[in-house]
């Protein structure tokens, strides 16, 4: 008997969660299923777990391949599927016992090519459910039992999440449309799910939570986007090509651009953003039809997203820096306005870079209206303090040390004037400077402070003198070039005069020759006339 549903599961190093996932499949209320598990070159005990389940349940088929990522594994399973319908599930998720029964019945009832259903997210245990309502937008559904992309062209890509695991597919439909998963590390199912959604004649929805999507698996491919940062771009470029090829792009363009911008933003990570930005600016934007206005708006949103991510990293780093001190890192973090998130540059593990970037930001940027002097002083104070904390591991030039010390002392005086000597900010800043005098700036304090200033000024004067000498040399060089050009002009003028004299001499010679010949002609003319007329 043909299975009603083929369940295809790609498995890679999932032994921590695999047993629970397989138990959910074994205990489905619909027994007429086949379970095709594709071991994608696991190095843990996943393969042994699969073999154990297969030995106890004949509905299991175990396929093995070298590690080629989930897309290739799903394609492998798809080639072996015999069921009327297809489910593509993940090895670290959990499933309702009626998943197969409910989706199959809905598909048969509506003669659907695709059935989309709801899911929840969870972290750690199933007790911490979080509804993924954004992945099942009932408010946008057409008022029909079944629909297709022509019923909602402006929102088709906003109705559901662009994954395969929250959908049931009719196998004959998938084979007829020749749809396959992409062979990429991440986002391998985005094209498959989106292509199926737009080409399907009948899409049905099932308003039941049937999938529980795990969010805390550090080994999940969706959590390793830094390894291959351009896969999302490749997926959505392929979706656009597919829409163009099927003659659907013009109709679905609005929805596609909304989807692409959202998902590109979702994949923004500080560690790889430079690589992504370079790709987008070198043709990536054009491939997904981002015009100049959309590019500008997108990049502004990216900056905001990066700021949020950096602020999160800042919280963690401050927590580490102050973990053993007398400071409440959470309270300190709470005092930092969101606008100062940008002071944390990519290399947030370097306290010196963090400080210098903050200093540049404060000087060159317009602060938010709600930022008062207290916030500015407090955040700058934190930067100095963090810098001081790791001073022993940092090599700074004397000039930089002197500059930091001078600014820190000026900051302390400013804080005293504004808030008084008893203020916590003033007190902590004073303590930091006192500690700094014993560590980072000790060498400076041994020598005379003014003498250090004079040394610095002398170095600056030497630099200025060197620059002046360089400019003088450039001027002399320019003068030499001008002199050479003047000599060339003089030579050219002399040559012209010589040529003119020669021309005049030749002209005079011609005149003399003409005069002589004319005289001769006049001399012989009377004789000739006498001979002709005697």
Protein backbone atom coordinates (compact mmCIF):
# COMPACT_ATOMS: atom_id res chain seq x y z
CA UNK A 1 0.00 0.00 0.00
CA UNK A 2 1.32 3.44 -0.91
CA UNK A 3 2.20 5.52 2.14
CA UNK A 4 -0.03 8.53 2.63
CA UNK A 5 2.92 10.70 3.60
CA UNK A 6 6.68 10.42 3.20
CA UNK A 7 8.49 12.16 6.05
CA UNK A 8 11.99 13.21 5.01
CA UNK A 9 14.44 14.18 7.75
CA UNK A 10 18.02 15.36 7.22
CA UNK A 11 20.19 14.40 10.20
CA UNK A 12 23.58 15.82 11.11
CA UNK A 13 25.13 15.52 14.59
CA UNK A 14 21.74 15.73 16.29
CA UNK A 15 22.07 12.94 18.84
CA UNK A 16 21.11 15.28 21.68
CA UNK A 17 17.64 15.87 20.20
CA UNK A 18 17.15 13.09 17.64
CA UNK A 19 15.48 10.54 19.90
CA UNK A 20 12.73 12.94 20.95
CA UNK A 21 12.08 13.94 17.32
CA UNK A 22 11.88 10.31 16.15
CA UNK A 23 9.55 9.40 19.02
CA UNK A 24 7.15 12.07 17.77
CA UNK A 25 7.14 10.41 14.35
CA UNK A 26 6.78 6.86 15.63
CA UNK A 27 3.75 7.92 17.68
CA UNK A 28 1.83 9.65 14.90
CA UNK A 29 -1.89 8.92 14.91
CA UNK A 30 -1.70 8.18 11.18
CA UNK A 31 0.30 4.94 10.87
CA UNK A 32 0.52 4.72 7.07
CA UNK A 33 3.70 6.72 6.65
CA UNK A 34 7.29 6.19 5.59
CA UNK A 35 10.10 7.88 7.50
CA UNK A 36 13.19 8.56 5.38
CA UNK A 37 16.15 9.71 7.47
CA UNK A 38 19.26 10.88 5.63
CA UNK A 39 22.42 10.84 7.72
CA UNK A 40 24.49 13.74 6.36
CA UNK A 41 27.87 12.39 7.50
CA UNK A 42 27.27 12.69 11.25
CA UNK A 43 30.29 12.24 13.51
CA UNK A 44 28.35 11.74 16.75
CA UNK A 45 26.00 8.87 17.66
CA UNK A 46 23.18 9.99 15.34
CA UNK A 47 23.79 7.12 12.88
CA UNK A 48 23.55 4.53 15.68
CA UNK A 49 20.30 6.07 16.92
CA UNK A 50 18.81 5.91 13.42
CA UNK A 51 19.82 2.27 13.00
CA UNK A 52 18.23 1.42 16.33
CA UNK A 53 14.89 2.97 15.35
CA UNK A 54 15.00 1.32 11.92
CA UNK A 55 15.57 -2.08 13.53
CA UNK A 56 12.42 -1.63 15.62
CA UNK A 57 10.16 0.04 13.04
CA UNK A 58 9.93 -1.08 9.40
CA UNK A 59 8.58 2.30 8.33
CA UNK A 60 12.09 3.73 8.64
CA UNK A 61 14.48 4.00 5.70
CA UNK A 62 18.02 5.10 6.52
CA UNK A 63 20.14 6.74 3.82
CA UNK A 64 23.76 7.81 4.32
CA UNK A 65 25.88 10.36 2.50
CA UNK A 66 28.99 12.45 2.97
CA UNK A 67 28.40 15.78 4.69
CA UNK A 68 26.85 17.96 1.98
CA UNK A 69 24.34 19.88 4.14
CA UNK A 70 20.60 19.57 4.56
CA UNK A 71 19.58 20.63 1.03
CA UNK A 72 21.43 17.75 -0.61
CA UNK A 73 20.19 15.36 2.09
CA UNK A 74 16.56 16.38 1.49
CA UNK A 75 16.98 15.95 -2.26
CA UNK A 76 18.38 12.49 -1.60
CA UNK A 77 15.36 11.61 0.51
CA UNK A 78 12.99 13.10 -2.06
CA UNK A 79 14.34 10.76 -4.76
CA UNK A 80 13.46 7.75 -2.57
CA UNK A 81 10.02 8.99 -1.46
CA UNK A 82 6.93 7.00 -2.48
CA UNK A 83 4.23 8.69 -0.42
CA UNK A 84 1.32 10.66 -1.84
CA UNK A 85 2.41 13.72 0.16
CA UNK A 86 5.72 14.98 1.56
CA UNK A 87 6.82 16.45 4.88
CA UNK A 88 10.35 17.82 5.36
CA UNK A 89 11.09 17.90 9.09
CA UNK A 90 14.18 18.80 11.15
CA UNK A 91 15.94 16.44 13.53
CA UNK A 92 16.01 18.87 16.45
CA UNK A 93 12.30 19.83 16.41
CA UNK A 94 9.21 18.27 17.98
CA UNK A 95 5.89 17.43 16.31
CA UNK A 96 2.28 17.10 17.36
CA UNK A 97 1.03 13.49 17.27
CA UNK A 98 -1.67 14.48 14.76
CA UNK A 99 0.69 16.29 12.37
CA UNK A 100 0.41 13.74 9.57
CA UNK A 101 -3.27 12.95 10.08
CA UNK A 102 -4.40 16.58 10.20
CA UNK A 103 -2.35 17.83 7.26
CA UNK A 104 -3.17 14.81 5.08
CA UNK A 105 -6.90 15.14 5.73
CA UNK A 106 -6.80 18.88 4.95
CA UNK A 107 -4.92 18.23 1.70
CA UNK A 108 -7.40 15.58 0.57
CA UNK A 109 -10.40 17.67 1.62
CA UNK A 110 -9.22 20.72 -0.36
CA UNK A 111 -7.34 18.89 -3.15
CA UNK A 112 -4.41 21.09 -2.16
CA UNK A 113 -0.93 21.19 -3.65
CA UNK A 114 0.43 22.76 -0.46
CA UNK A 115 -0.93 22.81 3.11
CA UNK A 116 0.56 25.42 5.48
CA UNK A 117 0.16 25.03 9.25
CA UNK A 118 1.13 26.90 12.40
CA UNK A 119 4.09 26.28 14.65
CA UNK A 120 5.51 27.45 17.96
CA UNK A 121 9.11 28.13 18.89
CA UNK A 122 10.69 26.87 22.07
CA UNK A 123 13.95 27.11 23.98
CA UNK A 124 15.28 24.29 26.14
CA UNK A 125 12.00 22.66 27.05
CA UNK A 126 8.55 22.61 25.50
CA UNK A 127 7.26 24.48 28.54
CA UNK A 128 8.66 27.72 27.08
CA UNK A 129 6.46 28.07 23.99
CA UNK A 130 6.51 31.20 21.88
CA UNK A 131 3.85 31.59 19.23
CA UNK A 132 5.24 32.30 15.76
CA UNK A 133 2.21 34.29 14.64
CA UNK A 134 4.31 36.20 12.10
CA UNK A 135 4.77 32.89 10.25
CA UNK A 136 1.02 32.32 9.83
CA UNK A 137 -0.60 35.67 8.98
CA UNK A 138 -4.29 34.93 9.16
CA UNK A 139 -5.04 38.64 8.81
CA UNK A 140 -3.61 38.56 5.29
CA UNK A 141 -5.20 35.33 4.04
CA UNK A 142 -7.64 35.61 1.11
CA UNK A 143 -11.19 34.84 2.16
CA UNK A 144 -11.18 31.47 0.41
CA UNK A 145 -10.74 27.87 1.52
CA UNK A 146 -7.98 27.49 -1.06
CA UNK A 147 -6.08 30.23 -2.87
CA UNK A 148 -3.05 30.89 -5.05
CA UNK A 149 -0.63 33.74 -5.61
CA UNK A 150 -3.01 35.58 -7.96
CA UNK A 151 -5.50 36.00 -5.11
CA UNK A 152 -2.98 37.98 -3.01
CA UNK A 153 -0.08 39.08 -5.27
CA UNK A 154 1.02 41.96 -3.01
CA UNK A 155 1.31 39.79 0.13
CA UNK A 156 1.91 36.21 -1.00
CA UNK A 157 5.41 36.04 0.51
CA UNK A 158 4.25 37.63 3.77
CA UNK A 159 1.64 34.95 4.57
CA UNK A 160 4.03 32.28 5.85
CA UNK A 161 7.61 31.71 6.91
CA UNK A 162 9.81 30.73 3.95
CA UNK A 163 10.68 27.25 5.24
CA UNK A 164 9.67 23.76 4.15
CA UNK A 165 9.15 22.28 7.61
CA UNK A 166 5.81 24.03 8.24
CA UNK A 167 4.19 22.80 5.02
CA UNK A 168 2.86 19.60 3.47
CA UNK A 169 3.47 19.15 -0.28
CA UNK A 170 1.73 16.93 -2.82
CA UNK A 171 4.54 14.80 -4.27
CA UNK A 172 3.16 14.68 -7.82
CA UNK A 173 3.01 18.49 -7.80
CA UNK A 174 6.64 18.78 -6.64
CA UNK A 175 7.83 16.32 -9.28
CA UNK A 176 5.77 17.96 -12.03
CA UNK A 177 7.28 21.38 -11.21
CA UNK A 178 10.77 19.84 -10.85
CA UNK A 179 11.44 21.59 -7.53
CA UNK A 180 14.59 20.80 -5.55
CA UNK A 181 16.37 22.16 -2.51
CA UNK A 182 19.50 24.27 -2.92
CA UNK A 183 22.83 22.65 -2.09
CA UNK A 184 23.89 25.39 0.35
CA UNK A 185 24.97 25.45 3.99
CA UNK A 186 22.05 27.69 5.00
CA UNK A 187 18.74 28.82 3.51
CA UNK A 188 18.54 25.67 1.42
CA UNK A 189 14.73 25.51 1.68
CA UNK A 190 13.87 29.16 0.99
CA UNK A 191 13.75 28.71 -2.77
CA UNK A 192 11.89 25.40 -2.54
CA UNK A 193 9.18 26.75 -0.22
CA UNK A 194 8.71 30.06 -2.04
CA UNK A 195 8.68 28.50 -5.50
CA UNK A 196 6.11 25.91 -4.44
CA UNK A 197 3.94 28.60 -2.87
CA UNK A 198 3.78 30.81 -5.97
CA UNK A 199 3.38 28.04 -8.55
CA UNK A 200 0.75 26.04 -6.64
CA UNK A 201 -2.80 26.20 -7.96
CA UNK A 202 -4.32 25.38 -4.58
CA UNK A 203 -2.84 26.42 -1.21
CA UNK A 204 -4.74 25.41 1.93
CA UNK A 205 -4.19 26.58 5.51
CA UNK A 206 -4.56 24.67 8.77
CA UNK A 207 -4.93 26.82 11.88
CA UNK A 208 -3.41 24.32 14.28
CA UNK A 209 -0.01 24.22 15.99
CA UNK A 210 1.57 21.02 14.71
CA UNK A 211 5.30 21.83 14.83
CA UNK A 212 7.55 22.97 17.69
CA UNK A 213 10.63 24.66 16.31
CA UNK A 214 13.76 24.59 18.49
CA UNK A 215 15.62 27.90 18.80
CA UNK A 216 18.55 26.97 21.08
CA UNK A 217 20.47 24.37 19.09
CA UNK A 218 24.01 25.81 18.66
CA UNK A 219 24.80 23.22 16.00
CA UNK A 220 21.83 24.07 13.82
CA UNK A 221 22.80 25.28 10.35
CA UNK A 222 20.50 28.26 10.76
CA UNK A 223 22.75 29.36 13.62
CA UNK A 224 26.00 29.13 11.63
CA UNK A 225 25.39 31.87 9.09
CA UNK A 226 28.84 33.39 9.48
CA UNK A 227 30.47 30.36 7.83
CA UNK A 228 28.86 31.09 4.45
CA UNK A 229 27.41 34.61 4.67
CA UNK A 230 26.18 34.94 1.08
CA UNK A 231 23.82 31.95 0.93
CA UNK A 232 20.74 34.03 1.74
CA UNK A 233 21.52 36.36 -1.16
CA UNK A 234 21.91 33.40 -3.52
CA UNK A 235 18.58 31.96 -2.41
CA UNK A 236 16.58 35.12 -3.05
CA UNK A 237 18.36 35.83 -6.30
CA UNK A 238 17.25 32.37 -7.43
CA UNK A 239 13.68 33.07 -6.31
CA UNK A 240 13.64 36.22 -8.44
CA UNK A 241 15.02 34.33 -11.44
CA UNK A 242 12.28 31.74 -10.97
CA UNK A 243 9.56 34.40 -10.83
CA UNK A 244 10.89 36.01 -14.00
CA UNK A 245 11.09 32.65 -15.75
CA UNK A 246 7.48 31.84 -14.83
CA UNK A 247 6.23 35.28 -15.87
CA UNK A 248 5.19 36.13 -12.30
CA UNK A 249 7.74 38.74 -11.28
CA UNK A 250 5.88 41.89 -12.34
CA UNK A 251 2.73 40.73 -10.54
CA UNK A 252 4.52 39.64 -7.35
CA UNK A 253 7.31 42.27 -7.31
CA UNK A 254 5.96 44.25 -4.35
CA UNK A 255 5.69 41.19 -2.14
CA UNK A 256 9.07 39.87 -3.27
CA UNK A 257 10.88 43.12 -2.43
CA UNK A 258 9.25 43.22 1.01
CA UNK A 259 10.32 39.63 1.63
CA UNK A 260 13.87 40.21 0.42
CA UNK A 261 14.43 43.33 2.49
CA UNK A 262 13.07 41.63 5.61
CA UNK A 263 15.16 38.51 5.22
CA UNK A 264 18.30 40.40 4.27
CA UNK A 265 17.88 42.40 7.46
CA UNK A 266 17.28 39.26 9.49
CA UNK A 267 20.63 37.87 8.35
CA UNK A 268 22.64 40.99 9.27
CA UNK A 269 25.56 40.01 11.51
CA UNK A 270 28.37 42.40 12.54
CA UNK A 271 31.05 39.74 11.97
CA UNK A 272 30.33 39.34 8.26
CA UNK A 273 28.50 42.52 7.30
CA UNK A 274 31.50 43.99 5.46
CA UNK A 275 31.57 40.93 3.19
CA UNK A 276 27.83 41.17 2.57
CA UNK A 277 27.91 44.91 1.92
CA UNK A 278 30.71 44.52 -0.60
CA UNK A 279 28.71 41.84 -2.40
CA UNK A 280 25.54 43.96 -2.46
CA UNK A 281 27.30 47.05 -3.73
CA UNK A 282 29.08 45.06 -6.44
CA UNK A 283 25.88 43.90 -8.11
CA UNK A 284 23.95 42.12 -5.36
CA UNK A 285 21.40 44.92 -5.02
CA UNK A 286 20.73 44.89 -8.76
CA UNK A 287 20.16 41.13 -8.80
CA UNK A 288 17.14 41.50 -6.51
CA UNK A 289 15.93 44.75 -8.08
CA UNK A 290 16.73 47.15 -5.23
CA UNK A 291 16.58 50.67 -6.65
CA UNK A 292 18.53 53.59 -5.16
CA UNK A 293 15.77 54.63 -2.76
CA UNK A 294 15.27 51.08 -1.48
CA UNK A 295 19.02 50.62 -1.07
CA UNK A 296 19.28 53.79 1.01
CA UNK A 297 16.36 52.81 3.23
CA UNK A 298 17.73 49.28 3.63
CA UNK A 299 21.20 50.48 4.66
CA UNK A 300 19.69 52.80 7.26
CA UNK A 301 17.82 49.86 8.74
CA UNK A 302 21.00 47.82 8.69
CA UNK A 303 22.82 50.46 10.73
CA UNK A 304 20.03 50.36 13.31
CA UNK A 305 20.17 46.55 13.41
CA UNK A 306 23.95 46.52 13.78
CA UNK A 307 23.68 49.04 16.60
CA UNK A 308 21.25 46.77 18.44
CA UNK A 309 23.52 43.76 18.01
CA UNK A 310 26.58 45.69 19.13
CA UNK A 311 24.76 46.98 22.18
CA UNK A 312 23.96 43.39 23.11
CA UNK A 313 27.64 42.52 22.77
CA UNK A 314 28.49 45.61 24.80
CA UNK A 315 26.28 44.42 27.64
CA UNK A 316 28.08 41.09 27.67
CA UNK A 317 31.54 42.65 27.56
CA UNK A 318 30.74 45.13 30.33
CA UNK A 319 29.38 42.27 32.38
CA UNK A 320 32.69 40.46 31.95
CA UNK A 321 34.74 43.58 32.68
CA UNK A 322 32.90 44.43 35.89
CA UNK A 323 31.98 40.93 37.00
CA UNK A 324 34.46 40.88 39.88
CA UNK A 325 34.34 44.58 40.69
CA UNK A 326 32.08 46.77 42.78
CA UNK A 327 29.82 47.69 39.87
CA UNK A 328 26.40 46.40 38.91
CA UNK A 329 26.96 45.73 35.21
CA UNK A 330 23.24 45.64 34.49
CA UNK A 331 22.73 49.04 36.11
CA UNK A 332 25.70 50.47 34.26
CA UNK A 333 24.39 49.11 30.98
CA UNK A 334 20.93 50.54 31.60
CA UNK A 335 22.36 54.06 31.77
CA UNK A 336 23.71 53.92 28.21
CA UNK A 337 21.27 55.49 25.71
CA UNK A 338 20.60 53.53 22.54
CA UNK A 339 22.20 56.24 20.42
CA UNK A 340 25.60 55.37 21.85
CA UNK A 341 25.36 51.81 20.63
CA UNK A 342 27.43 52.83 17.61
CA UNK A 343 30.48 53.41 19.78
CA UNK A 344 31.04 49.66 19.72
CA UNK A 345 32.81 48.92 16.46
CA UNK A 346 33.19 45.44 14.93
CA UNK A 347 36.14 44.47 17.11
CA UNK A 348 34.20 44.86 20.34
CA UNK A 349 36.72 42.68 22.19
CA UNK A 350 39.33 45.43 21.97
CA UNK A 351 38.78 47.99 24.71
CA UNK A 352 41.19 50.46 23.17
CA UNK A 353 39.40 50.43 19.81
CA UNK A 354 36.12 50.75 21.67
CA UNK A 355 37.33 53.84 23.49
CA UNK A 356 38.84 55.52 20.43
CA UNK A 357 35.69 54.86 18.41
CA UNK A 358 33.55 56.33 21.20
CA UNK A 359 35.73 59.42 21.26
CA UNK A 360 35.42 59.84 17.47
CA UNK A 361 31.68 59.27 17.63
CA UNK A 362 31.13 61.87 20.34
CA UNK A 363 33.07 64.44 18.34
CA UNK A 364 31.54 63.79 14.94
CA UNK A 365 27.95 62.72 15.51
CA UNK A 366 24.77 64.55 16.48
CA UNK A 367 23.54 63.14 19.78
CA UNK A 368 19.90 62.31 20.42
CA UNK A 369 17.78 65.10 21.85
CA UNK A 370 17.22 63.22 25.10
CA UNK A 371 20.96 62.86 25.71
CA UNK A 372 22.07 65.14 28.52
CA UNK A 373 25.51 65.90 29.87
CA UNK A 374 25.17 63.20 32.47
CA UNK A 375 24.79 60.48 29.86
CA UNK A 376 27.77 61.75 27.88
CA UNK A 377 30.01 61.95 30.90
CA UNK A 378 28.91 58.60 32.26
CA UNK A 379 29.50 56.71 29.04
CA UNK A 380 32.86 58.34 28.46
CA UNK A 381 33.74 57.52 32.04
CA UNK A 382 32.86 53.89 31.42
CA UNK A 383 35.11 53.84 28.38
CA UNK A 384 38.05 55.20 30.38
CA UNK A 385 37.38 52.75 33.18
CA UNK A 386 37.21 49.76 30.88
CA UNK A 387 40.39 50.92 29.19
CA UNK A 388 42.04 51.13 32.59
CA UNK A 389 40.88 47.63 33.50
CA UNK A 390 42.89 46.04 30.70
CA UNK A 391 45.74 48.54 30.62
CA UNK A 392 48.25 45.91 31.65
CA UNK A 393 47.61 44.01 28.42
CA UNK A 394 47.72 47.03 26.11
CA UNK A 395 50.74 48.83 24.68
CA UNK A 396 50.07 52.55 24.17
CA UNK A 397 52.43 55.24 22.96
CA UNK A 398 53.42 57.91 25.47
CA UNK A 399 51.57 60.48 23.41
CA UNK A 400 48.35 58.42 23.59
CA UNK A 401 48.77 57.84 27.32
CA UNK A 402 49.32 61.51 27.95
CA UNK A 403 46.33 62.47 25.85
CA UNK A 404 44.07 60.00 27.66
CA UNK A 405 45.25 61.14 31.05
CA UNK A 406 44.66 64.79 30.22
CA UNK A 407 41.17 64.10 28.89
CA UNK A 408 40.31 61.97 31.89
CA UNK A 409 41.36 64.71 34.30
CA UNK A 410 39.37 67.30 32.36
CA UNK A 411 36.38 64.97 32.44
CA UNK A 412 36.69 64.60 36.19
CA UNK A 413 36.66 68.36 36.66
CA UNK A 414 33.63 68.70 34.40
CA UNK A 415 31.77 66.05 36.40
CA UNK A 416 32.66 67.71 39.70
CA UNK A 417 31.28 71.03 38.52
CA UNK A 418 28.03 69.50 37.32
CA UNK A 419 27.28 66.98 40.07
CA UNK A 420 29.55 67.69 43.01
CA UNK A 421 32.35 65.66 44.52
CA UNK A 422 29.98 63.21 46.23
CA UNK A 423 28.27 62.05 43.05
CA UNK A 424 28.75 58.35 42.19
CA UNK A 425 30.02 59.17 38.74
CA UNK A 426 32.59 61.60 40.11
CA UNK A 427 33.63 59.21 42.84
CA UNK A 428 34.08 56.26 40.51
CA UNK A 429 35.94 58.35 37.95
CA UNK A 430 38.25 59.66 40.64
CA UNK A 431 38.92 56.09 41.82
CA UNK A 432 39.63 54.97 38.28
CA UNK A 433 42.14 57.75 37.77
CA UNK A 434 43.77 57.03 41.10
CA UNK A 435 44.13 53.40 40.13
CA UNK A 436 45.42 54.45 36.74
CA UNK A 437 48.15 56.49 38.33
CA UNK A 438 49.46 53.26 39.82
CA UNK A 439 49.24 51.31 36.59
CA UNK A 440 48.69 52.61 33.10
CA UNK A 441 49.94 56.18 33.66
CA UNK A 442 52.56 55.50 36.34
CA UNK A 443 55.48 56.18 34.01
CA UNK A 444 54.04 59.55 33.09
CA UNK A 445 53.59 60.65 36.67
CA UNK A 446 57.24 59.92 37.56
CA UNK A 447 58.46 62.59 35.16
CA UNK A 448 57.51 66.23 35.15
CA UNK A 449 54.14 66.66 33.46
CA UNK A 450 55.03 69.93 31.74
CA UNK A 451 58.30 68.43 30.49
CA UNK A 452 56.30 65.69 28.85
CA UNK A 453 54.16 68.30 27.18
CA UNK A 454 57.26 70.08 25.89
CA UNK A 455 58.57 66.82 24.48
CA UNK A 456 55.33 66.24 22.70
CA UNK A 457 55.30 69.79 21.34
CA UNK A 458 58.90 69.38 20.20
CA UNK A 459 57.96 66.20 18.35
CA UNK A 460 55.05 68.03 16.75
CA UNK A 461 57.35 70.92 15.78
CA UNK A 462 59.77 68.47 14.19
CA UNK A 463 56.93 66.96 12.23
CA UNK A 464 55.83 70.43 11.11
CA UNK A 465 59.39 71.30 10.08
CA UNK A 466 59.68 68.11 8.08
CA UNK A 467 56.39 68.87 6.34
CA UNK A 468 57.59 72.45 5.61
CA UNK A 469 60.85 71.15 4.15
CA UNK A 470 58.91 68.76 1.99
CA UNK A 471 56.69 71.57 0.72
CA UNK A 472 59.81 73.74 0.04
CA UNK A 473 61.36 70.92 -1.94
CA UNK A 474 58.15 70.64 -3.92
CA UNK A 475 58.24 74.40 -4.62
CA UNK A 476 61.88 74.20 -5.73
CA UNK A 477 61.02 71.29 -7.94
CA UNK A 478 58.19 73.28 -9.48
CA UNK A 479 60.57 76.22 -10.03
CA UNK A 480 63.08 73.97 -11.79
CA UNK A 481 60.35 72.64 -14.02
CA UNK A 482 59.27 76.21 -14.84
CA UNK A 483 62.89 77.20 -15.63
CA UNK A 484 63.25 74.25 -17.98
CA UNK A 485 60.05 75.20 -19.74
CA UNK A 486 61.30 78.82 -20.10
CA UNK A 487 64.55 77.61 -21.71
CA UNK A 488 62.54 75.49 -24.11
CA UNK A 489 60.44 78.55 -25.07
CA UNK A 490 63.57 80.65 -25.66
CA UNK A 491 65.10 77.98 -27.87
CA UNK A 492 61.89 77.71 -29.81
CA UNK A 493 61.80 81.51 -30.28
CA UNK A 494 65.41 81.63 -31.52
CA UNK A 495 64.68 78.85 -33.97
CA UNK A 496 61.65 80.74 -35.22
CA UNK A 497 63.78 83.89 -35.75
CA UNK A 498 66.38 81.93 -37.72
CA UNK A 499 63.72 80.38 -39.90
CA UNK A 500 62.21 83.84 -40.47
CA UNK A 501 65.60 85.29 -41.54
CA UNK A 502 66.14 82.43 -43.92
CA UNK A 503 62.70 82.94 -45.41
CA UNK A 504 63.38 86.64 -45.85
CA UNK A 505 66.74 85.89 -47.54
CA UNK A 506 65.10 83.43 -49.96
CA UNK A 507 62.41 86.01 -50.72
CA UNK A 508 65.05 88.68 -51.53
CA UNK A 509 66.89 86.22 -53.79
CA UNK A 510 63.71 85.53 -55.69
CA UNK A 511 63.09 89.25 -56.07
CA UNK A 512 66.64 89.85 -57.43
CA UNK A 513 66.33 86.98 -59.90
CA UNK A 514 63.01 88.30 -61.15
CA UNK A 515 64.39 91.82 -61.59
CA UNK A 516 67.40 90.54 -63.52
CA UNK A 517 65.28 88.49 -65.87
CA UNK A 518 62.90 91.38 -66.44
CA UNK A 519 65.81 93.68 -67.32
CA UNK A 520 67.18 91.19 -69.79
CA UNK A 521 63.78 90.84 -71.38
CA UNK A 522 63.45 94.63 -71.79
CA UNK A 523 66.93 94.78 -73.38
CA UNK A 524 66.15 92.26 -76.11
CA UNK A 525 62.63 93.49 -76.76
CA UNK A 526 63.56 96.45 -79.16
CA UNK A 527 65.80 94.22 -81.23
CA UNK A 528 63.06 91.67 -81.60
CA UNK A 529 60.61 94.34 -82.68
CA UNK A 530 63.02 95.73 -85.34
CA UNK A 531 63.40 92.26 -86.82
CA UNK A 532 59.68 91.78 -86.94
CA UNK A 533 58.92 95.26 -88.31
CA UNK A 534 62.02 96.48 -90.36
